[in-house]
Every structure is written in C-alpha cells, then in structure tokens.
Amino acid sequence: MQPNGGLSTRNKIIEMAEAMRSVGDGCTKDDLLLKGFTERQINIFGLKATELATVMASAA
C-alpha cells in the first residue's frame, strides 16, 4: 500500500469514509474492523478517511 498516493490508496480511503458514514457519528476502530478493514489500514488511512467522511456528510 502506498499511504501517500496511488489509485488503490484513494479507493481505500473513499471506501473507509463511506463505511464511517454508514456507521454514523461515533464510528470507532472496532466498527471499521467489523466492516473488514485491517488495523494497518485504519492506522494508515483513518485520518484522511475521517476528513473525507466529514466533508461528504456536510455536502449531503
């Protein structure tokens, strides 16, 4: 995985952000683990996915 670029990285961040939105406020690491993300993915992409989920939620 490339934490700073690449199509795969962008897709994983988008996928994680959508998962966060589906869980809603208070989404936790455990929620993401249950959605199929690994601890490594959460650690690498979690902050960017959180930022994106916030933007997506405010745009809706």
C-alpha atoms as a PDB file:
ATOM      1  CA  MET A   1       0.000   0.000   0.000  1.00  0.00           C
ATOM      2  CA  GLN A   2       1.127   3.491  -0.706  1.00  0.00           C
ATOM      3  CA  PRO A   3      -0.042   5.757   2.116  1.00  0.00           C
ATOM      4  CA  ASN A   4       0.704   8.940   0.169  1.00  0.00           C
ATOM      5  CA  GLY A   5      -0.737   8.230  -3.254  1.00  0.00           C
ATOM      6  CA  GLY A   6      -1.923   5.831  -5.869  1.00  0.00           C
ATOM      7  CA  LEU A   7      -5.341   4.774  -7.077  1.00  0.00           C
ATOM      8  CA  SER A   8      -5.533   1.889  -4.605  1.00  0.00           C
ATOM      9  CA  THR A   9      -4.882   4.260  -1.719  1.00  0.00           C
ATOM     10  CA  ARG A  10      -7.557   6.720  -2.859  1.00  0.00           C
ATOM     11  CA  ASN A  11     -10.069   3.926  -3.311  1.00  0.00           C
ATOM     12  CA  LYS A  12      -9.370   2.540   0.162  1.00  0.00           C
ATOM     13  CA  ILE A  13      -9.758   5.999   1.745  1.00  0.00           C
ATOM     14  CA  ILE A  14     -13.068   6.508  -0.078  1.00  0.00           C
ATOM     15  CA  GLU A  15     -14.241   3.034   0.923  1.00  0.00           C
ATOM     16  CA  MET A  16     -13.330   3.689   4.558  1.00  0.00           C
ATOM     17  CA  ALA A  17     -15.005   7.111   4.549  1.00  0.00           C
ATOM     18  CA  GLU A  18     -18.197   5.560   3.184  1.00  0.00           C
ATOM     19  CA  ALA A  19     -18.059   2.893   5.882  1.00  0.00           C
ATOM     20  CA  MET A  20     -17.661   5.614   8.519  1.00  0.00           C
ATOM     21  CA  ARG A  21     -20.684   7.449   7.136  1.00  0.00           C
ATOM     22  CA  SER A  22     -22.751   4.265   7.156  1.00  0.00           C
ATOM     23  CA  VAL A  23     -21.976   3.751  10.850  1.00  0.00           C
ATOM     24  CA  GLY A  24     -22.591   7.403  11.653  1.00  0.00           C
ATOM     25  CA  ASP A  25     -21.388   9.585  14.499  1.00  0.00           C
ATOM     26  CA  GLY A  26     -19.234   7.754  16.978  1.00  0.00           C
ATOM     27  CA  CYS A  27     -17.736   5.336  14.454  1.00  0.00           C
ATOM     28  CA  THR A  28     -14.916   3.504  16.218  1.00  0.00           C
ATOM     29  CA  LYS A  29     -11.922   1.450  15.221  1.00  0.00           C
ATOM     30  CA  ASP A  30     -13.891  -1.650  16.212  1.00  0.00           C
ATOM     31  CA  ASP A  31     -16.691  -0.639  13.831  1.00  0.00           C
ATOM     32  CA  LEU A  32     -14.171  -0.405  11.000  1.00  0.00           C
ATOM     33  CA  LEU A  33     -12.642  -3.754  11.927  1.00  0.00           C
ATOM     34  CA  LEU A  34     -16.127  -5.274  11.709  1.00  0.00           C
ATOM     35  CA  LYS A  35     -16.505  -3.681   8.253  1.00  0.00           C
ATOM     36  CA  GLY A  36     -13.435  -5.628   7.109  1.00  0.00           C
ATOM     37  CA  PHE A  37     -10.609  -3.105   7.409  1.00  0.00           C
ATOM     38  CA  THR A  38      -7.322  -4.172   8.956  1.00  0.00           C
ATOM     39  CA  GLU A  39      -5.640  -2.401  11.853  1.00  0.00           C
ATOM     40  CA  ARG A  40      -2.867  -1.351   9.477  1.00  0.00           C
ATOM     41  CA  GLN A  41      -5.338   0.185   7.021  1.00  0.00           C
ATOM     42  CA  ILE A  42      -7.094   2.026   9.834  1.00  0.00           C
ATOM     43  CA  ASN A  43      -3.800   3.367  11.160  1.00  0.00           C
ATOM     44  CA  ILE A  44      -2.611   4.465   7.725  1.00  0.00           C
ATOM     45  CA  PHE A  45      -5.827   5.785   6.187  1.00  0.00           C
ATOM     46  CA  GLY A  46      -8.041   6.567   9.174  1.00  0.00           C
ATOM     47  CA  LEU A  47      -7.276  10.272   9.491  1.00  0.00           C
ATOM     48  CA  LYS A  48      -7.752  11.011   5.782  1.00  0.00           C
ATOM     49  CA  ALA A  49     -10.899   8.870   5.695  1.00  0.00           C
ATOM     50  CA  THR A  50     -12.288  10.754   8.702  1.00  0.00           C
ATOM     51  CA  GLU A  51     -11.639  14.072   6.978  1.00  0.00           C
ATOM     52  CA  LEU A  52     -13.305  12.838   3.797  1.00  0.00           C
ATOM     53  CA  ALA A  53     -16.299  11.401   5.675  1.00  0.00           C
ATOM     54  CA  THR A  54     -16.800  14.770   7.369  1.00  0.00           C
ATOM     55  CA  VAL A  55     -16.738  16.589   4.036  1.00  0.00           C
ATOM     56  CA  MET A  56     -19.077  14.023   2.483  1.00  0.00           C
ATOM     57  CA  ALA A  57     -21.526  14.351   5.388  1.00  0.00           C
ATOM     58  CA  SER A  58     -21.586  18.133   5.247  1.00  0.00           C
ATOM     59  CA  ALA A  59     -22.141  18.062   1.468  1.00  0.00           C
ATOM     60  CA  ALA A  60     -25.162  15.774   1.773  1.00  0.00           C
END
